Amino acid sequence: MLDLETLGTRPDCVVLTLGAIKFCPFTPDKFGEGLYLRLDVDQQLALGRDVQQDTMDWWSKQDPLVREEALGESNRVNLEEATRQLNKFLVGANDIWAQGPVFDIAILENLYRQLGKPTPWNFWQIRDSRTLFGVHGDPRKKGRTGHHDALADCVYQAQGVQAIYQQQNIKKPEYKK
């Protein structure tokens, strides 16, 4: 599962944080390793990536701790290191889940393209938890705290995917070799 916190909603927006978690949708097992990166904002601005005022206004209304985690300047990684770490993290992943690929995936694909790098996934690996929740009902609890932390959001979304797979008794397909 991938999740981004950004300064806009368009594919060329600045990425503040990236979270990723490895999980198996077919079992309610614990999650694998996670990845959390705070991307260099100044480097993205120098590349011409976009900041939308309505998103900045939205961030100004968030909890101060959430805002500081997303917008604070400490522990930022440059884009070369961020893409290197994400590429390494995704090695061996069968599916790439996101809460709406037209947001998270589109933004990352745009960033990779801008950097002249191939994405570490194929188009057919993309999975959409928002559509899954729309079709089967959203099993996640309302009133949750900790929104807008990219890694925490990944865990929450992945738990929802696992819950639906369990409710619908979706089994892992057996492929002939």
N, C-alpha and C. Protein backbone atom coordinates (compact mmCIF):
# COMPACT_ATOMS: atom_id res chain seq x y z
N MET A 1 0.86 -1.18 0.00
CA MET A 1 0.00 0.00 0.00
C MET A 1 0.89 1.23 0.00
N LEU A 2 0.58 2.18 -0.87
CA LEU A 2 1.29 3.45 -0.94
C LEU A 2 0.35 4.58 -0.54
N ASP A 3 0.88 5.60 0.13
CA ASP A 3 0.10 6.78 0.44
C ASP A 3 1.03 7.99 0.44
N LEU A 4 0.51 9.09 -0.08
CA LEU A 4 1.26 10.34 -0.13
C LEU A 4 0.52 11.43 0.63
N GLU A 5 1.28 12.35 1.17
CA GLU A 5 0.75 13.62 1.63
C GLU A 5 1.43 14.66 0.76
N THR A 6 0.65 15.60 0.24
CA THR A 6 1.14 16.49 -0.80
C THR A 6 0.72 17.94 -0.57
N LEU A 7 1.16 18.80 -1.47
CA LEU A 7 0.77 20.21 -1.46
C LEU A 7 -0.15 20.52 -2.63
N GLY A 8 -0.87 19.53 -3.11
CA GLY A 8 -1.82 19.72 -4.20
C GLY A 8 -2.48 18.41 -4.54
N THR A 9 -3.31 18.45 -5.56
CA THR A 9 -4.02 17.25 -6.01
C THR A 9 -3.72 16.92 -7.46
N ARG A 10 -2.92 17.74 -8.11
CA ARG A 10 -2.57 17.48 -9.51
C ARG A 10 -1.33 16.58 -9.57
N PRO A 11 -1.14 15.90 -10.71
CA PRO A 11 0.00 14.98 -10.83
C PRO A 11 1.36 15.62 -10.62
N ASP A 12 1.49 16.93 -10.84
CA ASP A 12 2.79 17.57 -10.71
C ASP A 12 2.97 18.30 -9.38
N CYS A 13 2.18 17.94 -8.37
CA CYS A 13 2.28 18.64 -7.08
C CYS A 13 3.48 18.17 -6.27
N VAL A 14 3.85 18.99 -5.31
CA VAL A 14 4.93 18.67 -4.38
C VAL A 14 4.48 17.55 -3.44
N VAL A 15 5.35 16.57 -3.26
CA VAL A 15 5.11 15.47 -2.33
C VAL A 15 5.81 15.78 -1.01
N LEU A 16 5.04 15.80 0.05
CA LEU A 16 5.61 16.05 1.38
C LEU A 16 6.15 14.77 1.99
N THR A 17 5.28 13.76 2.09
CA THR A 17 5.67 12.49 2.70
C THR A 17 5.14 11.33 1.88
N LEU A 18 5.84 10.22 1.98
CA LEU A 18 5.47 8.98 1.30
C LEU A 18 5.49 7.88 2.34
N GLY A 19 4.42 7.11 2.38
CA GLY A 19 4.37 5.93 3.23
C GLY A 19 4.10 4.70 2.37
N ALA A 20 4.64 3.58 2.77
CA ALA A 20 4.39 2.31 2.08
C ALA A 20 4.45 1.19 3.12
N ILE A 21 3.60 0.22 2.92
CA ILE A 21 3.58 -0.94 3.83
C ILE A 21 3.38 -2.20 3.00
N LYS A 22 4.09 -3.25 3.35
CA LYS A 22 3.90 -4.54 2.69
C LYS A 22 2.85 -5.33 3.46
N PHE A 23 1.92 -5.91 2.72
CA PHE A 23 0.87 -6.70 3.36
C PHE A 23 0.33 -7.71 2.35
N CYS A 24 -0.34 -8.74 2.88
CA CYS A 24 -1.01 -9.73 2.05
C CYS A 24 -2.51 -9.53 2.22
N PRO A 25 -3.23 -9.21 1.15
CA PRO A 25 -4.67 -8.97 1.29
C PRO A 25 -5.46 -10.23 1.61
N PHE A 26 -4.90 -11.38 1.32
CA PHE A 26 -5.62 -12.64 1.48
C PHE A 26 -5.65 -13.16 2.91
N THR A 27 -4.84 -12.60 3.79
CA THR A 27 -4.79 -13.05 5.17
C THR A 27 -4.83 -11.85 6.11
N PRO A 28 -5.33 -12.03 7.31
CA PRO A 28 -5.31 -10.93 8.28
C PRO A 28 -3.99 -10.86 9.05
N ASP A 29 -2.95 -11.41 8.44
CA ASP A 29 -1.65 -11.45 9.10
C ASP A 29 -1.12 -10.05 9.39
N LYS A 30 -0.16 -10.01 10.24
CA LYS A 30 0.53 -8.75 10.53
C LYS A 30 1.20 -8.25 9.26
N PHE A 31 1.54 -7.01 9.28
CA PHE A 31 2.15 -6.39 8.12
C PHE A 31 3.64 -6.63 8.10
N GLY A 32 4.19 -6.55 6.90
CA GLY A 32 5.62 -6.61 6.72
C GLY A 32 6.23 -5.25 7.03
N GLU A 33 7.39 -5.06 6.50
CA GLU A 33 8.10 -3.82 6.77
C GLU A 33 7.37 -2.62 6.20
N GLY A 34 7.68 -1.47 6.74
CA GLY A 34 7.11 -0.22 6.26
C GLY A 34 8.21 0.73 5.83
N LEU A 35 7.82 1.71 5.05
CA LEU A 35 8.75 2.73 4.58
C LEU A 35 8.07 4.08 4.78
N TYR A 36 8.79 5.04 5.35
CA TYR A 36 8.28 6.39 5.53
C TYR A 36 9.36 7.37 5.15
N LEU A 37 9.06 8.23 4.20
CA LEU A 37 10.04 9.20 3.71
C LEU A 37 9.43 10.60 3.71
N ARG A 38 10.24 11.56 4.11
CA ARG A 38 9.87 12.98 4.04
C ARG A 38 10.72 13.56 2.92
N LEU A 39 10.09 13.90 1.79
CA LEU A 39 10.81 14.32 0.59
C LEU A 39 11.21 15.79 0.65
N ASP A 40 12.33 16.09 0.01
CA ASP A 40 12.87 17.43 -0.05
C ASP A 40 11.93 18.33 -0.86
N VAL A 41 11.33 19.30 -0.19
CA VAL A 41 10.37 20.21 -0.82
C VAL A 41 11.09 21.21 -1.72
N ASP A 42 12.19 21.78 -1.25
CA ASP A 42 12.91 22.78 -2.04
C ASP A 42 13.39 22.21 -3.37
N GLN A 43 13.86 20.97 -3.35
CA GLN A 43 14.31 20.33 -4.58
C GLN A 43 13.15 20.20 -5.57
N GLN A 44 11.97 19.85 -5.05
CA GLN A 44 10.79 19.72 -5.92
C GLN A 44 10.36 21.07 -6.48
N LEU A 45 10.41 22.11 -5.65
CA LEU A 45 10.06 23.45 -6.12
C LEU A 45 11.01 23.90 -7.22
N ALA A 46 12.30 23.57 -7.06
CA ALA A 46 13.30 23.93 -8.08
C ALA A 46 13.03 23.22 -9.40
N LEU A 47 12.38 22.05 -9.33
CA LEU A 47 12.01 21.32 -10.54
C LEU A 47 10.73 21.86 -11.17
N GLY A 48 10.07 22.78 -10.45
CA GLY A 48 8.84 23.36 -10.97
C GLY A 48 7.58 22.63 -10.54
N ARG A 49 7.68 21.76 -9.53
CA ARG A 49 6.48 21.07 -9.06
C ARG A 49 5.55 22.07 -8.40
N ASP A 50 4.28 21.76 -8.40
CA ASP A 50 3.22 22.71 -8.07
C ASP A 50 2.80 22.68 -6.60
N VAL A 51 2.42 23.85 -6.11
CA VAL A 51 1.79 24.01 -4.79
C VAL A 51 0.45 24.70 -5.05
N GLN A 52 -0.62 24.11 -4.58
CA GLN A 52 -1.95 24.68 -4.77
C GLN A 52 -2.39 25.40 -3.50
N GLN A 53 -2.89 26.61 -3.66
CA GLN A 53 -3.30 27.42 -2.51
C GLN A 53 -4.42 26.76 -1.73
N ASP A 54 -5.39 26.14 -2.40
CA ASP A 54 -6.48 25.50 -1.67
C ASP A 54 -5.98 24.36 -0.78
N THR A 55 -4.92 23.68 -1.23
CA THR A 55 -4.33 22.62 -0.40
C THR A 55 -3.59 23.22 0.78
N MET A 56 -2.88 24.31 0.56
CA MET A 56 -2.21 25.01 1.67
C MET A 56 -3.24 25.48 2.70
N ASP A 57 -4.37 26.00 2.22
CA ASP A 57 -5.45 26.42 3.12
C ASP A 57 -5.97 25.24 3.92
N TRP A 58 -6.11 24.10 3.26
CA TRP A 58 -6.58 22.88 3.92
C TRP A 58 -5.59 22.45 5.00
N TRP A 59 -4.28 22.46 4.68
CA TRP A 59 -3.26 22.09 5.67
C TRP A 59 -3.31 23.02 6.88
N SER A 60 -3.61 24.30 6.67
CA SER A 60 -3.64 25.26 7.77
C SER A 60 -4.74 24.95 8.78
N LYS A 61 -5.71 24.15 8.39
CA LYS A 61 -6.81 23.78 9.29
C LYS A 61 -6.59 22.45 10.00
N GLN A 62 -5.49 21.77 9.72
CA GLN A 62 -5.21 20.48 10.33
C GLN A 62 -4.58 20.67 11.71
N ASP A 63 -4.62 19.60 12.49
CA ASP A 63 -4.00 19.60 13.81
C ASP A 63 -2.55 20.06 13.68
N PRO A 64 -2.07 20.92 14.59
CA PRO A 64 -0.70 21.43 14.49
C PRO A 64 0.37 20.33 14.46
N LEU A 65 0.18 19.24 15.19
CA LEU A 65 1.18 18.16 15.16
C LEU A 65 1.20 17.47 13.80
N VAL A 66 0.03 17.25 13.23
CA VAL A 66 -0.07 16.65 11.90
C VAL A 66 0.57 17.57 10.87
N ARG A 67 0.28 18.85 10.99
CA ARG A 67 0.82 19.86 10.08
C ARG A 67 2.35 19.90 10.17
N GLU A 68 2.88 19.87 11.39
CA GLU A 68 4.34 19.92 11.56
C GLU A 68 5.00 18.67 10.99
N GLU A 69 4.40 17.52 11.19
CA GLU A 69 4.97 16.28 10.63
C GLU A 69 5.02 16.35 9.11
N ALA A 70 3.97 16.86 8.51
CA ALA A 70 3.91 16.92 7.06
C ALA A 70 4.78 18.04 6.49
N LEU A 71 4.75 19.20 7.13
CA LEU A 71 5.36 20.39 6.55
C LEU A 71 6.72 20.76 7.15
N GLY A 72 7.07 20.19 8.30
CA GLY A 72 8.34 20.53 8.94
C GLY A 72 9.54 20.22 8.05
N GLU A 73 10.63 20.92 8.30
CA GLU A 73 11.80 20.81 7.42
C GLU A 73 12.79 19.72 7.79
N SER A 74 12.69 19.14 8.97
CA SER A 74 13.71 18.18 9.40
C SER A 74 13.56 16.83 8.71
N ASN A 75 14.69 16.15 8.57
CA ASN A 75 14.76 14.78 8.06
C ASN A 75 14.19 14.59 6.66
N ARG A 76 14.39 15.54 5.80
CA ARG A 76 13.95 15.43 4.41
C ARG A 76 15.03 14.69 3.61
N VAL A 77 14.60 13.87 2.66
CA VAL A 77 15.55 13.15 1.81
C VAL A 77 15.43 13.69 0.38
N ASN A 78 16.56 13.71 -0.31
CA ASN A 78 16.53 14.19 -1.68
C ASN A 78 15.80 13.18 -2.56
N LEU A 79 15.40 13.61 -3.74
CA LEU A 79 14.58 12.77 -4.61
C LEU A 79 15.32 11.54 -5.12
N GLU A 80 16.60 11.65 -5.33
CA GLU A 80 17.39 10.49 -5.76
C GLU A 80 17.34 9.40 -4.69
N GLU A 81 17.54 9.79 -3.45
CA GLU A 81 17.50 8.82 -2.34
C GLU A 81 16.08 8.29 -2.14
N ALA A 82 15.09 9.14 -2.25
CA ALA A 82 13.70 8.71 -2.05
C ALA A 82 13.30 7.66 -3.10
N THR A 83 13.63 7.93 -4.36
CA THR A 83 13.27 6.96 -5.40
C THR A 83 14.08 5.67 -5.25
N ARG A 84 15.33 5.80 -4.84
CA ARG A 84 16.15 4.60 -4.62
C ARG A 84 15.54 3.73 -3.53
N GLN A 85 15.14 4.35 -2.41
CA GLN A 85 14.55 3.59 -1.31
C GLN A 85 13.21 2.98 -1.69
N LEU A 86 12.37 3.73 -2.40
CA LEU A 86 11.08 3.18 -2.82
C LEU A 86 11.28 2.03 -3.80
N ASN A 87 12.17 2.19 -4.76
CA ASN A 87 12.45 1.11 -5.71
C ASN A 87 12.88 -0.16 -4.98
N LYS A 88 13.80 -0.02 -4.05
CA LYS A 88 14.28 -1.18 -3.29
C LYS A 88 13.15 -1.79 -2.47
N PHE A 89 12.33 -0.96 -1.84
CA PHE A 89 11.22 -1.43 -1.02
C PHE A 89 10.23 -2.26 -1.84
N LEU A 90 10.00 -1.87 -3.07
CA LEU A 90 8.97 -2.52 -3.89
C LEU A 90 9.45 -3.78 -4.62
N VAL A 91 10.73 -4.11 -4.50
CA VAL A 91 11.22 -5.33 -5.13
C VAL A 91 10.42 -6.53 -4.60
N GLY A 92 9.89 -7.32 -5.51
CA GLY A 92 9.14 -8.52 -5.15
C GLY A 92 7.66 -8.28 -4.89
N ALA A 93 7.22 -7.03 -4.93
CA ALA A 93 5.79 -6.76 -4.70
C ALA A 93 4.99 -7.22 -5.91
N ASN A 94 3.90 -7.96 -5.65
CA ASN A 94 3.04 -8.42 -6.73
C ASN A 94 2.04 -7.35 -7.16
N ASP A 95 1.47 -6.67 -6.19
CA ASP A 95 0.47 -5.65 -6.44
C ASP A 95 0.87 -4.37 -5.72
N ILE A 96 0.49 -3.24 -6.30
CA ILE A 96 0.75 -1.94 -5.71
C ILE A 96 -0.61 -1.32 -5.42
N TRP A 97 -0.97 -1.26 -4.16
CA TRP A 97 -2.25 -0.72 -3.73
C TRP A 97 -2.12 0.76 -3.41
N ALA A 98 -3.19 1.50 -3.66
CA ALA A 98 -3.28 2.91 -3.26
C ALA A 98 -4.75 3.25 -3.04
N GLN A 99 -4.99 4.28 -2.26
CA GLN A 99 -6.35 4.76 -2.01
C GLN A 99 -6.67 5.75 -3.13
N GLY A 100 -6.85 5.20 -4.33
CA GLY A 100 -7.11 6.03 -5.49
C GLY A 100 -5.86 6.23 -6.32
N PRO A 101 -5.58 5.34 -7.27
CA PRO A 101 -4.37 5.46 -8.08
C PRO A 101 -4.29 6.76 -8.88
N VAL A 102 -5.42 7.40 -9.17
CA VAL A 102 -5.34 8.65 -9.92
C VAL A 102 -4.76 9.76 -9.06
N PHE A 103 -4.57 9.51 -7.78
CA PHE A 103 -3.88 10.47 -6.93
C PHE A 103 -2.46 9.98 -6.68
N ASP A 104 -2.28 9.05 -5.77
CA ASP A 104 -0.95 8.62 -5.34
C ASP A 104 -0.09 8.11 -6.49
N ILE A 105 -0.62 7.20 -7.28
CA ILE A 105 0.16 6.59 -8.36
C ILE A 105 0.44 7.63 -9.45
N ALA A 106 -0.56 8.42 -9.81
CA ALA A 106 -0.36 9.44 -10.85
C ALA A 106 0.72 10.44 -10.44
N ILE A 107 0.71 10.85 -9.18
CA ILE A 107 1.71 11.81 -8.70
C ILE A 107 3.10 11.18 -8.72
N LEU A 108 3.22 9.95 -8.25
CA LEU A 108 4.53 9.29 -8.27
C LEU A 108 5.01 9.05 -9.70
N GLU A 109 4.12 8.63 -10.59
CA GLU A 109 4.52 8.42 -11.98
C GLU A 109 5.00 9.73 -12.60
N ASN A 110 4.34 10.82 -12.28
CA ASN A 110 4.75 12.12 -12.79
C ASN A 110 6.13 12.50 -12.26
N LEU A 111 6.35 12.26 -10.97
CA LEU A 111 7.65 12.57 -10.36
C LEU A 111 8.75 11.73 -11.00
N TYR A 112 8.53 10.43 -11.14
CA TYR A 112 9.53 9.56 -11.77
C TYR A 112 9.82 10.02 -13.20
N ARG A 113 8.77 10.35 -13.95
CA ARG A 113 8.94 10.80 -15.33
C ARG A 113 9.77 12.09 -15.36
N GLN A 114 9.47 13.01 -14.44
CA GLN A 114 10.20 14.27 -14.37
C GLN A 114 11.69 14.03 -14.06
N LEU A 115 11.96 13.00 -13.27
CA LEU A 115 13.35 12.68 -12.91
C LEU A 115 14.03 11.79 -13.96
N GLY A 116 13.28 11.40 -15.00
CA GLY A 116 13.84 10.55 -16.05
C GLY A 116 14.06 9.12 -15.59
N LYS A 117 13.23 8.65 -14.65
CA LYS A 117 13.38 7.31 -14.10
C LYS A 117 12.15 6.46 -14.42
N PRO A 118 12.34 5.16 -14.67
CA PRO A 118 11.18 4.29 -14.86
C PRO A 118 10.52 4.00 -13.50
N THR A 119 9.20 3.85 -13.50
CA THR A 119 8.51 3.51 -12.26
C THR A 119 8.82 2.07 -11.88
N PRO A 120 8.86 1.77 -10.59
CA PRO A 120 9.19 0.41 -10.14
C PRO A 120 7.97 -0.51 -10.12
N TRP A 121 7.01 -0.26 -10.99
CA TRP A 121 5.83 -1.13 -11.13
C TRP A 121 5.37 -1.09 -12.57
N ASN A 122 4.54 -2.06 -12.91
CA ASN A 122 3.88 -2.10 -14.21
C ASN A 122 2.43 -1.67 -14.03
N PHE A 123 1.82 -1.14 -15.08
CA PHE A 123 0.46 -0.62 -14.98
C PHE A 123 -0.52 -1.68 -14.48
N TRP A 124 -0.28 -2.94 -14.81
CA TRP A 124 -1.21 -4.01 -14.45
C TRP A 124 -1.08 -4.44 -12.98
N GLN A 125 -0.11 -3.90 -12.26
CA GLN A 125 0.04 -4.23 -10.84
C GLN A 125 -0.78 -3.30 -9.93
N ILE A 126 -1.31 -2.22 -10.46
CA ILE A 126 -1.98 -1.21 -9.64
C ILE A 126 -3.34 -1.72 -9.15
N ARG A 127 -3.58 -1.54 -7.85
CA ARG A 127 -4.84 -1.92 -7.21
C ARG A 127 -5.39 -0.71 -6.47
N ASP A 128 -6.73 -0.59 -6.41
CA ASP A 128 -7.39 0.59 -5.87
C ASP A 128 -8.27 0.23 -4.67
N SER A 129 -7.85 0.62 -3.48
CA SER A 129 -8.64 0.33 -2.28
C SER A 129 -9.91 1.17 -2.23
N ARG A 130 -9.91 2.37 -2.77
CA ARG A 130 -11.12 3.22 -2.76
C ARG A 130 -12.26 2.54 -3.52
N THR A 131 -11.96 1.97 -4.68
CA THR A 131 -12.99 1.26 -5.45
C THR A 131 -13.46 0.03 -4.69
N LEU A 132 -12.53 -0.71 -4.11
CA LEU A 132 -12.89 -1.89 -3.32
C LEU A 132 -13.83 -1.51 -2.18
N PHE A 133 -13.53 -0.42 -1.47
CA PHE A 133 -14.38 0.03 -0.37
C PHE A 133 -15.73 0.53 -0.89
N GLY A 134 -15.75 1.13 -2.06
CA GLY A 134 -17.00 1.60 -2.65
C GLY A 134 -17.92 0.47 -3.07
N VAL A 135 -17.35 -0.62 -3.54
CA VAL A 135 -18.15 -1.76 -3.99
C VAL A 135 -18.62 -2.62 -2.81
N HIS A 136 -17.75 -2.86 -1.85
CA HIS A 136 -18.05 -3.81 -0.76
C HIS A 136 -18.37 -3.15 0.57
N GLY A 137 -18.32 -1.83 0.64
CA GLY A 137 -18.52 -1.14 1.91
C GLY A 137 -17.17 -0.91 2.57
N ASP A 138 -17.06 0.18 3.26
CA ASP A 138 -15.80 0.55 3.90
C ASP A 138 -15.78 0.00 5.32
N PRO A 139 -14.94 -1.01 5.59
CA PRO A 139 -14.91 -1.63 6.91
C PRO A 139 -14.14 -0.84 7.97
N ARG A 140 -13.49 0.23 7.54
CA ARG A 140 -12.68 1.01 8.48
C ARG A 140 -13.60 1.78 9.43
N LYS A 141 -13.14 1.91 10.66
CA LYS A 141 -13.92 2.60 11.69
C LYS A 141 -13.89 4.11 11.48
N LYS A 142 -15.05 4.71 11.66
CA LYS A 142 -15.15 6.16 11.56
C LYS A 142 -14.57 6.79 12.83
N GLY A 143 -14.18 8.05 12.74
CA GLY A 143 -13.69 8.75 13.92
C GLY A 143 -12.25 8.43 14.28
N ARG A 144 -11.52 7.80 13.37
CA ARG A 144 -10.13 7.45 13.61
C ARG A 144 -9.27 8.71 13.74
N THR A 145 -8.29 8.67 14.62
CA THR A 145 -7.33 9.76 14.71
C THR A 145 -6.09 9.39 13.91
N GLY A 146 -5.19 10.33 13.76
CA GLY A 146 -3.94 10.04 13.06
C GLY A 146 -4.03 10.13 11.56
N HIS A 147 -5.06 10.81 11.03
CA HIS A 147 -5.16 11.00 9.59
C HIS A 147 -4.00 11.85 9.09
N HIS A 148 -3.68 11.64 7.84
CA HIS A 148 -2.70 12.44 7.12
C HIS A 148 -1.27 12.20 7.59
N ASP A 149 -1.03 11.02 8.12
CA ASP A 149 0.31 10.49 8.33
C ASP A 149 0.40 9.36 7.30
N ALA A 150 1.27 9.53 6.31
CA ALA A 150 1.29 8.63 5.16
C ALA A 150 1.44 7.15 5.55
N LEU A 151 2.29 6.84 6.51
CA LEU A 151 2.49 5.44 6.89
C LEU A 151 1.29 4.91 7.68
N ALA A 152 0.76 5.70 8.61
CA ALA A 152 -0.42 5.28 9.37
C ALA A 152 -1.62 5.09 8.44
N ASP A 153 -1.76 5.96 7.46
CA ASP A 153 -2.85 5.81 6.49
C ASP A 153 -2.69 4.53 5.69
N CYS A 154 -1.46 4.17 5.33
CA CYS A 154 -1.21 2.91 4.61
C CYS A 154 -1.70 1.72 5.42
N VAL A 155 -1.34 1.68 6.69
CA VAL A 155 -1.74 0.57 7.56
C VAL A 155 -3.26 0.50 7.64
N TYR A 156 -3.90 1.62 7.83
CA TYR A 156 -5.35 1.68 7.97
C TYR A 156 -6.05 1.21 6.69
N GLN A 157 -5.55 1.65 5.55
CA GLN A 157 -6.11 1.23 4.27
C GLN A 157 -5.87 -0.26 4.02
N ALA A 158 -4.68 -0.74 4.33
CA ALA A 158 -4.37 -2.16 4.13
C ALA A 158 -5.24 -3.03 5.04
N GLN A 159 -5.48 -2.60 6.26
CA GLN A 159 -6.38 -3.35 7.15
C GLN A 159 -7.78 -3.43 6.56
N GLY A 160 -8.23 -2.35 5.94
CA GLY A 160 -9.54 -2.35 5.28
C GLY A 160 -9.59 -3.34 4.13
N VAL A 161 -8.55 -3.38 3.32
CA VAL A 161 -8.48 -4.34 2.21
C VAL A 161 -8.53 -5.76 2.76
N GLN A 162 -7.73 -6.05 3.78
CA GLN A 162 -7.73 -7.38 4.37
C GLN A 162 -9.12 -7.75 4.90
N ALA A 163 -9.79 -6.81 5.55
CA ALA A 163 -11.12 -7.08 6.11
C ALA A 163 -12.11 -7.44 5.01
N ILE A 164 -12.08 -6.73 3.91
CA ILE A 164 -12.99 -7.05 2.80
C ILE A 164 -12.66 -8.40 2.19
N TYR A 165 -11.41 -8.69 1.99
CA TYR A 165 -11.03 -10.00 1.45
C TYR A 165 -11.53 -11.12 2.37
N GLN A 166 -11.44 -10.91 3.68
CA GLN A 166 -11.92 -11.91 4.63
C GLN A 166 -13.44 -12.01 4.57
N GLN A 167 -14.14 -10.86 4.58
CA GLN A 167 -15.61 -10.85 4.54
C GLN A 167 -16.14 -11.52 3.27
N GLN A 168 -15.47 -11.28 2.17
CA GLN A 168 -15.90 -11.82 0.88
C GLN A 168 -15.32 -13.20 0.59
N ASN A 169 -14.50 -13.70 1.52
CA ASN A 169 -13.87 -15.01 1.38
C ASN A 169 -13.07 -15.10 0.07
N ILE A 170 -12.34 -14.06 -0.22
CA ILE A 170 -11.51 -14.03 -1.43
C ILE A 170 -10.23 -14.80 -1.14
N LYS A 171 -9.99 -15.79 -1.95
CA LYS A 171 -8.81 -16.65 -1.78
C LYS A 171 -7.73 -16.29 -2.78
N LYS A 172 -6.52 -16.56 -2.41
CA LYS A 172 -5.38 -16.33 -3.28
C LYS A 172 -5.50 -17.27 -4.48
N PRO A 173 -5.41 -16.73 -5.71
CA PRO A 173 -5.53 -17.61 -6.89
C PRO A 173 -4.34 -18.56 -6.99
N GLU A 174 -4.63 -19.73 -7.47
CA GLU A 174 -3.57 -20.72 -7.69
C GLU A 174 -3.24 -20.72 -9.16
N TYR A 175 -2.01 -20.40 -9.48
CA TYR A 175 -1.60 -20.33 -10.86
C TYR A 175 -0.91 -21.61 -11.26
N LYS A 176 -1.19 -22.06 -12.50
CA LYS A 176 -0.49 -23.22 -13.02
C LYS A 176 0.88 -22.80 -13.48
N LYS A 177 1.85 -23.64 -13.22
CA LYS A 177 3.23 -23.32 -13.62
C LYS A 177 3.67 -24.19 -14.75
